[in-house]
Amino acid sequence: MRVLPPLSAVRVFDAAARHENFTVAAGELGMTQAAVSYQIKLLEERLGTQLFRRERRRVILTEAGRRVAPQVAAAFDTLDAAFAGLRSEDEALLTVSTSNTFANTWLAWRVGAFQMAHPEMAVRMLTSDEVADFASSDVDCAIRSGLGDWPGLAADLLIPIDFTPMCSPDFLARHGGAIAAADLMTLPLISPHDPWWAHWLREAGVDATEGKTRPGVRLDSQAHEGHAAMAGQGIAMLTPFFWRGDISEGRLVQPFAQVSTRGYGYWFVCPEHRRRVPKVRQFREWLIGEIALDRAIP
């Protein structure tokens, strides 16, 4: 069993010995000069020997301090080398968890640009609609949908989630070139079980009961629903931000001006204590910047 003095005090001694100045050591360690002085006093009392002589406004290593200082510095160098490999491995791979919708409609099209801007880093994207557990996985950060209230996580709003019906131009043409909101009660809907439908219809003035079963194809993500709509299989409830390119290129049309929301959004999230890790910070800044640029496009 090792008998060691408090490592926090030894760390302070290492900095103070290198500088022979408590104030400079305090600045390096992010402590006050008084805290450094206290830790040195604690260490001296524990060892039963004086490590520094206090002379007016300066401190000088004693003979005992000079003997032990190089060994302490070498020990910290060894510890630093032991963990350096782990740090470099961690910094070399960024693992991002995101939903199928966000990945397929936005992130997968752009994440290569981030990786090219950071060639020293590999980027792994995990797509799942299950919520990533930061405590039991190696996920560094995630894009989640919700209200942004996840305990222990830092959250930055990327985009609000809104929604409106969309379909293919051919589908619209087959149904007279125009659709009234009331027509949606009888037309084929994609994922009609989605509560967004009842919410949007009520705001459009149509009597719709949430939870009422209707026939129609049921898909597990908005990404699949949008592609089914492009194929003319029915009308899908979609978030306009994700489908602007398909609208501008004529693969989808938005028959109604009304766009609804239930207050949810897509958020960048990471554990609070990992927020300032360089790779996480770099990805967060890139992601927020790219989203802002996209949202600024009319």
C-alpha atoms as a PDB file:
ATOM      1  CA  MET A   1       0.000   0.000   0.000  1.00  0.00           C
ATOM      2  CA  ARG A   2       1.388   3.388  -1.027  1.00  0.00           C
ATOM      3  CA  VAL A   3       1.662   6.085   1.629  1.00  0.00           C
ATOM      4  CA  LEU A   4       1.363   9.341  -0.279  1.00  0.00           C
ATOM      5  CA  PRO A   5       0.773  12.932   0.767  1.00  0.00           C
ATOM      6  CA  PRO A   6      -2.334  14.643  -0.721  1.00  0.00           C
ATOM      7  CA  LEU A   7      -1.820  14.700  -4.491  1.00  0.00           C
ATOM      8  CA  SER A   8      -3.476  18.120  -4.750  1.00  0.00           C
ATOM      9  CA  ALA A   9      -0.771  19.521  -2.482  1.00  0.00           C
ATOM     10  CA  VAL A  10       1.977  17.694  -4.416  1.00  0.00           C
ATOM     11  CA  ARG A  11       0.663  19.208  -7.653  1.00  0.00           C
ATOM     12  CA  VAL A  12       0.844  22.669  -6.091  1.00  0.00           C
ATOM     13  CA  PHE A  13       4.390  21.971  -4.877  1.00  0.00           C
ATOM     14  CA  ASP A  14       5.449  20.974  -8.407  1.00  0.00           C
ATOM     15  CA  ALA A  15       4.255  24.290  -9.854  1.00  0.00           C
ATOM     16  CA  ALA A  16       5.647  26.357  -6.978  1.00  0.00           C
ATOM     17  CA  ALA A  17       9.031  24.589  -7.181  1.00  0.00           C
ATOM     18  CA  ARG A  18       9.338  25.203 -10.927  1.00  0.00           C
ATOM     19  CA  HIS A  19       8.643  28.920 -10.531  1.00  0.00           C
ATOM     20  CA  GLU A  20       9.832  29.513  -6.962  1.00  0.00           C
ATOM     21  CA  ASN A  21       6.963  31.927  -6.867  1.00  0.00           C
ATOM     22  CA  PHE A  22       3.591  31.232  -5.246  1.00  0.00           C
ATOM     23  CA  THR A  23       1.787  33.931  -7.242  1.00  0.00           C
ATOM     24  CA  VAL A  24       2.959  32.591 -10.609  1.00  0.00           C
ATOM     25  CA  ALA A  25       2.134  29.040  -9.517  1.00  0.00           C
ATOM     26  CA  ALA A  26      -1.340  30.204  -8.507  1.00  0.00           C
ATOM     27  CA  GLY A  27      -1.883  31.698 -11.964  1.00  0.00           C
ATOM     28  CA  GLU A  28      -0.824  28.457 -13.665  1.00  0.00           C
ATOM     29  CA  LEU A  29      -3.121  26.355 -11.496  1.00  0.00           C
ATOM     30  CA  GLY A  30      -6.101  28.721 -11.510  1.00  0.00           C
ATOM     31  CA  MET A  31      -5.915  29.189  -7.743  1.00  0.00           C
ATOM     32  CA  THR A  32      -5.391  32.098  -5.392  1.00  0.00           C
ATOM     33  CA  GLN A  33      -1.945  32.782  -3.919  1.00  0.00           C
ATOM     34  CA  ALA A  34      -3.409  32.123  -0.482  1.00  0.00           C
ATOM     35  CA  ALA A  35      -4.625  28.676  -1.598  1.00  0.00           C
ATOM     36  CA  VAL A  36      -1.157  27.814  -2.902  1.00  0.00           C
ATOM     37  CA  SER A  37       0.424  28.904   0.370  1.00  0.00           C
ATOM     38  CA  TYR A  38      -2.087  26.806   2.312  1.00  0.00           C
ATOM     39  CA  GLN A  39      -1.403  23.676   0.227  1.00  0.00           C
ATOM     40  CA  ILE A  40       2.356  24.052   0.674  1.00  0.00           C
ATOM     41  CA  LYS A  41       1.913  24.496   4.440  1.00  0.00           C
ATOM     42  CA  LEU A  42      -0.298  21.383   4.507  1.00  0.00           C
ATOM     43  CA  LEU A  43       2.344  19.387   2.634  1.00  0.00           C
ATOM     44  CA  GLU A  44       5.169  20.578   4.907  1.00  0.00           C
ATOM     45  CA  GLU A  45       3.174  19.635   7.978  1.00  0.00           C
ATOM     46  CA  ARG A  46       2.423  16.206   6.513  1.00  0.00           C
ATOM     47  CA  LEU A  47       6.106  15.583   5.703  1.00  0.00           C
ATOM     48  CA  GLY A  48       7.453  17.185   8.846  1.00  0.00           C
ATOM     49  CA  THR A  49       9.997  19.255   6.928  1.00  0.00           C
ATOM     50  CA  GLN A  50      10.196  22.702   5.379  1.00  0.00           C
ATOM     51  CA  LEU A  51      10.171  22.812   1.569  1.00  0.00           C
ATOM     52  CA  PHE A  52      10.396  26.591   1.055  1.00  0.00           C
ATOM     53  CA  ARG A  53      12.024  29.461   2.907  1.00  0.00           C
ATOM     54  CA  ARG A  54       9.940  32.623   3.003  1.00  0.00           C
ATOM     55  CA  GLU A  55      12.165  35.673   2.534  1.00  0.00           C
ATOM     56  CA  ARG A  56      10.423  39.011   2.343  1.00  0.00           C
ATOM     57  CA  ARG A  57       8.358  38.881  -0.881  1.00  0.00           C
ATOM     58  CA  ARG A  58       9.874  35.719  -2.323  1.00  0.00           C
ATOM     59  CA  VAL A  59      10.116  32.010  -1.617  1.00  0.00           C
ATOM     60  CA  ILE A  60      13.186  29.817  -2.085  1.00  0.00           C
ATOM     61  CA  LEU A  61      13.399  26.044  -2.132  1.00  0.00           C
ATOM     62  CA  THR A  62      15.132  24.543   0.871  1.00  0.00           C
ATOM     63  CA  GLU A  63      17.682  21.754   0.437  1.00  0.00           C
ATOM     64  CA  ALA A  64      14.929  19.200   1.043  1.00  0.00           C
ATOM     65  CA  GLY A  65      12.735  20.942  -1.506  1.00  0.00           C
ATOM     66  CA  ARG A  66      15.533  20.917  -4.098  1.00  0.00           C
ATOM     67  CA  ARG A  67      16.119  17.198  -3.593  1.00  0.00           C
ATOM     68  CA  VAL A  68      12.495  16.197  -4.054  1.00  0.00           C
ATOM     69  CA  ALA A  69      11.421  18.692  -6.753  1.00  0.00           C
ATOM     70  CA  PRO A  70      13.053  16.867  -9.758  1.00  0.00           C
ATOM     71  CA  GLN A  71      11.583  13.534  -8.646  1.00  0.00           C
ATOM     72  CA  VAL A  72       8.119  15.052  -8.298  1.00  0.00           C
ATOM     73  CA  ALA A  73       8.424  16.668 -11.737  1.00  0.00           C
ATOM     74  CA  ALA A  74       9.525  13.345 -13.249  1.00  0.00           C
ATOM     75  CA  ALA A  75       6.563  11.578 -11.625  1.00  0.00           C
ATOM     76  CA  PHE A  76       4.110  14.063 -13.130  1.00  0.00           C
ATOM     77  CA  ASP A  77       5.815  13.672 -16.528  1.00  0.00           C
ATOM     78  CA  THR A  78       5.291   9.919 -16.255  1.00  0.00           C
ATOM     79  CA  LEU A  79       1.631  10.399 -15.385  1.00  0.00           C
ATOM     80  CA  ASP A  80       1.194  12.833 -18.267  1.00  0.00           C
ATOM     81  CA  ALA A  81       2.748  10.347 -20.696  1.00  0.00           C
ATOM     82  CA  ALA A  82       0.543   7.552 -19.358  1.00  0.00           C
ATOM     83  CA  PHE A  83      -2.629   9.507 -20.115  1.00  0.00           C
ATOM     84  CA  ALA A  84      -1.393  11.223 -23.296  1.00  0.00           C
ATOM     85  CA  GLY A  85      -2.201   8.181 -25.416  1.00  0.00           C
ATOM     86  CA  LEU A  86      -5.742   8.086 -24.102  1.00  0.00           C
ATOM     87  CA  ARG A  87      -6.164  11.813 -24.715  1.00  0.00           C
ATOM     88  CA  SER A  88      -4.926  11.539 -28.296  1.00  0.00           C
ATOM     89  CA  GLU A  89      -7.204   8.574 -28.978  1.00  0.00           C
ATOM     90  CA  ASP A  90     -10.164  10.499 -27.576  1.00  0.00           C
ATOM     91  CA  GLU A  91      -9.382  13.589 -29.634  1.00  0.00           C
ATOM     92  CA  ALA A  92      -8.917  11.554 -32.821  1.00  0.00           C
ATOM     93  CA  LEU A  93     -12.535  10.331 -32.968  1.00  0.00           C
ATOM     94  CA  LEU A  94     -15.749  12.317 -32.610  1.00  0.00           C
ATOM     95  CA  THR A  95     -18.889  10.204 -32.146  1.00  0.00           C
ATOM     96  CA  VAL A  96     -22.184  11.976 -32.844  1.00  0.00           C
ATOM     97  CA  SER A  97     -25.597  10.465 -32.158  1.00  0.00           C
ATOM     98  CA  THR A  98     -28.595  11.776 -34.063  1.00  0.00           C
ATOM     99  CA  SER A  99     -32.076  10.784 -35.185  1.00  0.00           C
ATOM    100  CA  ASN A 100     -32.742   9.148 -38.537  1.00  0.00           C
ATOM    101  CA  THR A 101     -34.636  12.227 -39.713  1.00  0.00           C
ATOM    102  CA  PHE A 102     -31.936  14.755 -38.853  1.00  0.00           C
ATOM    103  CA  ALA A 103     -29.211  12.509 -40.270  1.00  0.00           C
ATOM    104  CA  ASN A 104     -30.917  11.682 -43.555  1.00  0.00           C
ATOM    105  CA  THR A 105     -32.399  15.088 -44.334  1.00  0.00           C
ATOM    106  CA  TRP A 106     -29.564  17.372 -43.191  1.00  0.00           C
ATOM    107  CA  LEU A 107     -26.477  16.166 -41.309  1.00  0.00           C
ATOM    108  CA  ALA A 108     -25.328  13.328 -43.587  1.00  0.00           C
ATOM    109  CA  TRP A 109     -25.214  15.792 -46.491  1.00  0.00           C
ATOM    110  CA  ARG A 110     -22.893  18.179 -44.656  1.00  0.00           C
ATOM    111  CA  VAL A 111     -20.844  16.388 -42.002  1.00  0.00           C
ATOM    112  CA  GLY A 112     -18.091  15.623 -44.540  1.00  0.00           C
ATOM    113  CA  ALA A 113     -17.323  19.346 -44.687  1.00  0.00           C
ATOM    114  CA  PHE A 114     -16.612  19.360 -40.955  1.00  0.00           C
ATOM    115  CA  GLN A 115     -14.342  16.345 -41.224  1.00  0.00           C
ATOM    116  CA  MET A 116     -12.429  17.886 -44.137  1.00  0.00           C
ATOM    117  CA  ALA A 117     -11.906  21.033 -42.077  1.00  0.00           C
ATOM    118  CA  HIS A 118     -10.494  18.827 -39.293  1.00  0.00           C
ATOM    119  CA  PRO A 119      -8.494  16.133 -41.132  1.00  0.00           C
ATOM    120  CA  GLU A 120      -6.835  15.029 -37.894  1.00  0.00           C
ATOM    121  CA  MET A 121     -10.211  13.837 -36.632  1.00  0.00           C
ATOM    122  CA  ALA A 122     -12.441  10.948 -37.682  1.00  0.00           C
ATOM    123  CA  VAL A 123     -16.190  11.514 -37.379  1.00  0.00           C
ATOM    124  CA  ARG A 124     -18.563   8.649 -36.618  1.00  0.00           C
ATOM    125  CA  MET A 125     -22.295   9.305 -36.937  1.00  0.00           C
ATOM    126  CA  LEU A 126     -24.693   6.971 -35.119  1.00  0.00           C
ATOM    127  CA  THR A 127     -28.294   7.187 -36.322  1.00  0.00           C
ATOM    128  CA  SER A 128     -31.056   6.020 -34.016  1.00  0.00           C
ATOM    129  CA  ASP A 129     -34.336   7.390 -32.734  1.00  0.00           C
ATOM    130  CA  GLU A 130     -33.462   6.048 -29.287  1.00  0.00           C
ATOM    131  CA  VAL A 131     -32.005   8.582 -26.851  1.00  0.00           C
ATOM    132  CA  ALA A 132     -28.229   8.127 -26.480  1.00  0.00           C
ATOM    133  CA  ASP A 133     -27.039   7.339 -22.959  1.00  0.00           C
ATOM    134  CA  PHE A 134     -23.855   9.343 -22.427  1.00  0.00           C
ATOM    135  CA  ALA A 135     -23.069   7.477 -19.212  1.00  0.00           C
ATOM    136  CA  SER A 136     -22.887   4.023 -20.795  1.00  0.00           C
ATOM    137  CA  SER A 137     -21.726   4.753 -24.352  1.00  0.00           C
ATOM    138  CA  ASP A 138     -18.820   6.439 -26.094  1.00  0.00           C
ATOM    139  CA  VAL A 139     -21.040   9.109 -27.675  1.00  0.00           C
ATOM    140  CA  ASP A 140     -19.449  12.577 -27.437  1.00  0.00           C
ATOM    141  CA  CYS A 141     -22.462  14.679 -28.407  1.00  0.00           C
ATOM    142  CA  ALA A 142     -25.926  14.313 -29.899  1.00  0.00           C
ATOM    143  CA  ILE A 143     -28.672  16.065 -31.809  1.00  0.00           C
ATOM    144  CA  ARG A 144     -31.984  15.449 -30.037  1.00  0.00           C
ATOM    145  CA  SER A 145     -35.551  16.536 -30.564  1.00  0.00           C
ATOM    146  CA  GLY A 146     -37.526  17.723 -27.572  1.00  0.00           C
ATOM    147  CA  LEU A 147     -37.961  20.674 -25.253  1.00  0.00           C
ATOM    148  CA  GLY A 148     -34.285  20.979 -24.291  1.00  0.00           C
ATOM    149  CA  ASP A 149     -34.726  20.031 -20.638  1.00  0.00           C
ATOM    150  CA  TRP A 150     -32.297  17.142 -20.128  1.00  0.00           C
ATOM    151  CA  PRO A 151     -30.707  17.161 -16.647  1.00  0.00           C
ATOM    152  CA  GLY A 152     -26.905  17.222 -16.662  1.00  0.00           C
ATOM    153  CA  LEU A 153     -26.671  18.116 -20.346  1.00  0.00           C
ATOM    154  CA  ALA A 154     -25.784  21.411 -21.998  1.00  0.00           C
ATOM    155  CA  ALA A 155     -28.323  22.103 -24.765  1.00  0.00           C
ATOM    156  CA  ASP A 156     -28.249  24.583 -27.664  1.00  0.00           C
ATOM    157  CA  LEU A 157     -31.358  25.083 -29.795  1.00  0.00           C
ATOM    158  CA  LEU A 158     -30.616  24.441 -33.470  1.00  0.00           C
ATOM    159  CA  ILE A 159     -34.042  24.780 -35.092  1.00  0.00           C
ATOM    160  CA  PRO A 160     -37.655  24.860 -33.883  1.00  0.00           C
ATOM    161  CA  ILE A 161     -39.711  21.928 -35.152  1.00  0.00           C
ATOM    162  CA  ASP A 162     -42.682  23.065 -37.215  1.00  0.00           C
ATOM    163  CA  PHE A 163     -44.759  21.098 -39.682  1.00  0.00           C
ATOM    164  CA  THR A 164     -47.197  21.291 -42.589  1.00  0.00           C
ATOM    165  CA  PRO A 165     -48.626  18.812 -45.133  1.00  0.00           C
ATOM    166  CA  MET A 166     -46.609  18.141 -48.309  1.00  0.00           C
ATOM    167  CA  CYS A 167     -47.054  15.901 -51.320  1.00  0.00           C
ATOM    168  CA  SER A 168     -45.652  15.346 -54.784  1.00  0.00           C
ATOM    169  CA  PRO A 169     -46.729  17.598 -57.686  1.00  0.00           C
ATOM    170  CA  ASP A 170     -48.202  14.544 -59.446  1.00  0.00           C
ATOM    171  CA  PHE A 171     -50.280  13.649 -56.378  1.00  0.00           C
ATOM    172  CA  LEU A 172     -51.609  17.205 -56.225  1.00  0.00           C
ATOM    173  CA  ALA A 173     -52.412  17.159 -59.955  1.00  0.00           C
ATOM    174  CA  ARG A 174     -54.289  13.861 -59.607  1.00  0.00           C
ATOM    175  CA  HIS A 175     -56.515  15.522 -57.010  1.00  0.00           C
ATOM    176  CA  GLY A 176     -57.521  18.568 -59.003  1.00  0.00           C
ATOM    177  CA  GLY A 177     -54.414  20.737 -58.482  1.00  0.00           C
ATOM    178  CA  ALA A 178     -55.608  22.130 -55.168  1.00  0.00           C
ATOM    179  CA  ILE A 179     -56.509  20.639 -51.782  1.00  0.00           C
ATOM    180  CA  ALA A 180     -58.642  22.104 -48.998  1.00  0.00           C
ATOM    181  CA  ALA A 181     -57.808  21.320 -45.400  1.00  0.00           C
ATOM    182  CA  ALA A 182     -61.088  19.406 -45.016  1.00  0.00           C
ATOM    183  CA  ASP A 183     -60.069  17.149 -47.926  1.00  0.00           C
ATOM    184  CA  LEU A 184     -57.289  15.709 -45.768  1.00  0.00           C
ATOM    185  CA  MET A 185     -59.914  13.752 -43.829  1.00  0.00           C
ATOM    186  CA  THR A 186     -60.476  11.499 -46.859  1.00  0.00           C
ATOM    187  CA  LEU A 187     -57.218  11.642 -48.843  1.00  0.00           C
ATOM    188  CA  PRO A 188     -54.429   9.070 -48.304  1.00  0.00           C
ATOM    189  CA  LEU A 189     -52.127  10.258 -45.538  1.00  0.00           C
ATOM    190  CA  ILE A 190     -48.642   8.970 -44.759  1.00  0.00           C
ATOM    191  CA  SER A 191     -48.318   8.035 -41.062  1.00  0.00           C
ATOM    192  CA  PRO A 192     -51.873   9.192 -40.220  1.00  0.00           C
ATOM    193  CA  HIS A 193     -51.302   8.024 -36.612  1.00  0.00           C
ATOM    194  CA  ASP A 194     -48.836  10.879 -36.072  1.00  0.00           C
ATOM    195  CA  PRO A 195     -50.337  13.351 -33.521  1.00  0.00           C
ATOM    196  CA  TRP A 196     -49.039  16.209 -35.669  1.00  0.00           C
ATOM    197  CA  TRP A 197     -51.952  15.555 -38.040  1.00  0.00           C
ATOM    198  CA  ALA A 198     -54.681  16.172 -35.454  1.00  0.00           C
ATOM    199  CA  HIS A 199     -52.852  19.244 -34.158  1.00  0.00           C
ATOM    200  CA  TRP A 200     -52.419  20.785 -37.623  1.00  0.00           C
ATOM    201  CA  LEU A 201     -56.005  19.989 -38.663  1.00  0.00           C
ATOM    202  CA  ARG A 202     -57.476  21.567 -35.534  1.00  0.00           C
ATOM    203  CA  GLU A 203     -55.462  24.751 -36.156  1.00  0.00           C
ATOM    204  CA  ALA A 204     -56.768  24.702 -39.742  1.00  0.00           C
ATOM    205  CA  GLY A 205     -60.331  24.604 -38.420  1.00  0.00           C
ATOM    206  CA  VAL A 206     -60.996  20.943 -39.206  1.00  0.00           C
ATOM    207  CA  ASP A 207     -62.627  18.757 -36.546  1.00  0.00           C
ATOM    208  CA  ALA A 208     -60.047  16.008 -35.987  1.00  0.00           C
ATOM    209  CA  THR A 209     -59.798  13.641 -33.035  1.00  0.00           C
ATOM    210  CA  GLU A 210     -56.248  12.874 -31.947  1.00  0.00           C
ATOM    211  CA  GLY A 211     -55.606   9.163 -31.662  1.00  0.00           C
ATOM    212  CA  LYS A 212     -58.417   8.138 -34.035  1.00  0.00           C
ATOM    213  CA  THR A 213     -57.196   5.251 -36.220  1.00  0.00           C
ATOM    214  CA  ARG A 214     -57.099   5.855 -39.949  1.00  0.00           C
ATOM    215  CA  PRO A 215     -55.850   3.579 -42.710  1.00  0.00           C
ATOM    216  CA  GLY A 216     -52.561   4.497 -44.354  1.00  0.00           C
ATOM    217  CA  VAL A 217     -48.906   3.542 -44.542  1.00  0.00           C
ATOM    218  CA  ARG A 218     -47.057   4.025 -41.244  1.00  0.00           C
ATOM    219  CA  LEU A 219     -43.358   4.873 -41.374  1.00  0.00           C
ATOM    220  CA  ASP A 220     -40.885   5.313 -38.526  1.00  0.00           C
ATOM    221  CA  SER A 221     -39.207   8.602 -39.442  1.00  0.00           C
ATOM    222  CA  GLN A 222     -39.910  11.843 -41.244  1.00  0.00           C
ATOM    223  CA  ALA A 223     -37.073  11.035 -43.651  1.00  0.00           C
ATOM    224  CA  HIS A 224     -38.969   7.973 -44.893  1.00  0.00           C
ATOM    225  CA  GLU A 225     -42.275   9.842 -44.921  1.00  0.00           C
ATOM    226  CA  GLY A 226     -40.860  12.594 -47.118  1.00  0.00           C
ATOM    227  CA  HIS A 227     -39.544  10.107 -49.670  1.00  0.00           C
ATOM    228  CA  ALA A 228     -42.860   8.257 -49.681  1.00  0.00           C
ATOM    229  CA  ALA A 229     -44.588  11.566 -50.399  1.00  0.00           C
ATOM    230  CA  MET A 230     -42.186  12.240 -53.289  1.00  0.00           C
ATOM    231  CA  ALA A 231     -43.142   8.839 -54.687  1.00  0.00           C
ATOM    232  CA  GLY A 232     -46.798   9.941 -54.762  1.00  0.00           C
ATOM    233  CA  GLN A 233     -47.979   7.582 -52.016  1.00  0.00           C
ATOM    234  CA  GLY A 234     -49.925  10.249 -50.142  1.00  0.00           C
ATOM    235  CA  ILE A 235     -49.590  13.430 -48.116  1.00  0.00           C
ATOM    236  CA  ALA A 236     -46.953  13.592 -45.393  1.00  0.00           C
ATOM    237  CA  MET A 237     -46.656  15.970 -42.447  1.00  0.00           C
ATOM    238  CA  LEU A 238     -43.139  17.413 -42.794  1.00  0.00           C
ATOM    239  CA  THR A 239     -40.859  20.101 -41.365  1.00  0.00           C
ATOM    240  CA  PRO A 240     -40.251  22.658 -44.151  1.00  0.00           C
ATOM    241  CA  PHE A 241     -36.620  23.345 -43.144  1.00  0.00           C
ATOM    242  CA  PHE A 242     -35.585  19.823 -44.082  1.00  0.00           C
ATOM    243  CA  TRP A 243     -37.332  19.745 -47.455  1.00  0.00           C
ATOM    244  CA  ARG A 244     -36.659  23.168 -48.984  1.00  0.00           C
ATOM    245  CA  GLY A 245     -34.336  21.686 -51.597  1.00  0.00           C
ATOM    246  CA  ASP A 246     -36.934  19.134 -52.684  1.00  0.00           C
ATOM    247  CA  ILE A 247     -39.593  21.866 -52.875  1.00  0.00           C
ATOM    248  CA  SER A 248     -37.358  24.178 -54.942  1.00  0.00           C
ATOM    249  CA  GLU A 249     -36.434  21.324 -57.287  1.00  0.00           C
ATOM    250  CA  GLY A 250     -40.055  20.279 -57.780  1.00  0.00           C
ATOM    251  CA  ARG A 251     -40.080  16.947 -55.964  1.00  0.00           C
ATOM    252  CA  LEU A 252     -42.456  18.189 -53.269  1.00  0.00           C
ATOM    253  CA  VAL A 253     -45.111  20.886 -52.987  1.00  0.00           C
ATOM    254  CA  GLN A 254     -46.507  22.608 -49.907  1.00  0.00           C
ATOM    255  CA  PRO A 255     -50.243  23.059 -50.559  1.00  0.00           C
ATOM    256  CA  PHE A 256     -50.967  25.145 -47.442  1.00  0.00           C
ATOM    257  CA  ALA A 257     -49.447  28.325 -46.045  1.00  0.00           C
ATOM    258  CA  GLN A 258     -50.268  27.248 -42.495  1.00  0.00           C
ATOM    259  CA  VAL A 259     -47.278  25.877 -40.565  1.00  0.00           C
ATOM    260  CA  SER A 260     -47.870  24.599 -37.015  1.00  0.00           C
ATOM    261  CA  THR A 261     -45.654  23.780 -34.050  1.00  0.00           C
ATOM    262  CA  ARG A 262     -45.962  22.070 -30.678  1.00  0.00           C
ATOM    263  CA  GLY A 263     -42.995  23.889 -29.120  1.00  0.00           C
ATOM    264  CA  TYR A 264     -40.366  21.226 -29.769  1.00  0.00           C
ATOM    265  CA  GLY A 265     -36.987  21.746 -31.398  1.00  0.00           C
ATOM    266  CA  TYR A 266     -33.794  20.052 -32.479  1.00  0.00           C
ATOM    267  CA  TRP A 267     -30.991  20.616 -29.974  1.00  0.00           C
ATOM    268  CA  PHE A 268     -27.265  20.039 -29.836  1.00  0.00           C
ATOM    269  CA  VAL A 269     -26.565  18.330 -26.511  1.00  0.00           C
ATOM    270  CA  CYS A 270     -23.519  17.058 -24.642  1.00  0.00           C
ATOM    271  CA  PRO A 271     -22.612  16.379 -21.009  1.00  0.00           C
ATOM    272  CA  GLU A 272     -21.991  19.676 -19.225  1.00  0.00           C
ATOM    273  CA  HIS A 273     -18.457  18.658 -18.234  1.00  0.00           C
ATOM    274  CA  ARG A 274     -17.577  17.826 -21.874  1.00  0.00           C
ATOM    275  CA  ARG A 275     -18.809  21.097 -23.376  1.00  0.00           C
ATOM    276  CA  ARG A 276     -15.306  22.628 -23.613  1.00  0.00           C
ATOM    277  CA  VAL A 277     -13.515  19.519 -24.899  1.00  0.00           C
ATOM    278  CA  PRO A 278     -11.907  20.818 -28.144  1.00  0.00           C
ATOM    279  CA  LYS A 279     -13.498  18.342 -30.570  1.00  0.00           C
ATOM    280  CA  VAL A 280     -16.959  18.809 -29.022  1.00  0.00           C
ATOM    281  CA  ARG A 281     -16.596  22.594 -28.975  1.00  0.00           C
ATOM    282  CA  GLN A 282     -15.419  22.639 -32.602  1.00  0.00           C
ATOM    283  CA  PHE A 283     -18.324  20.500 -33.787  1.00  0.00           C
ATOM    284  CA  ARG A 284     -20.846  22.535 -31.813  1.00  0.00           C
ATOM    285  CA  GLU A 285     -19.577  25.814 -33.273  1.00  0.00           C
ATOM    286  CA  TRP A 286     -19.550  24.380 -36.814  1.00  0.00           C
ATOM    287  CA  LEU A 287     -23.046  22.907 -36.450  1.00  0.00           C
ATOM    288  CA  ILE A 288     -24.618  26.079 -35.048  1.00  0.00           C
ATOM    289  CA  GLY A 289     -22.918  28.133 -37.785  1.00  0.00           C
ATOM    290  CA  GLU A 290     -24.092  25.840 -40.595  1.00  0.00           C
ATOM    291  CA  ILE A 291     -27.658  25.771 -39.282  1.00  0.00           C
ATOM    292  CA  ALA A 292     -27.677  29.580 -39.028  1.00  0.00           C
ATOM    293  CA  LEU A 293     -26.473  29.894 -42.633  1.00  0.00           C
ATOM    294  CA  ASP A 294     -29.142  27.478 -43.838  1.00  0.00           C
ATOM    295  CA  ARG A 295     -31.906  29.231 -41.934  1.00  0.00           C
ATOM    296  CA  ALA A 296     -30.874  32.567 -43.419  1.00  0.00           C
ATOM    297  CA  ILE A 297     -31.555  31.257 -46.936  1.00  0.00           C
ATOM    298  CA  PRO A 298     -35.096  32.299 -47.983  1.00  0.00           C
END
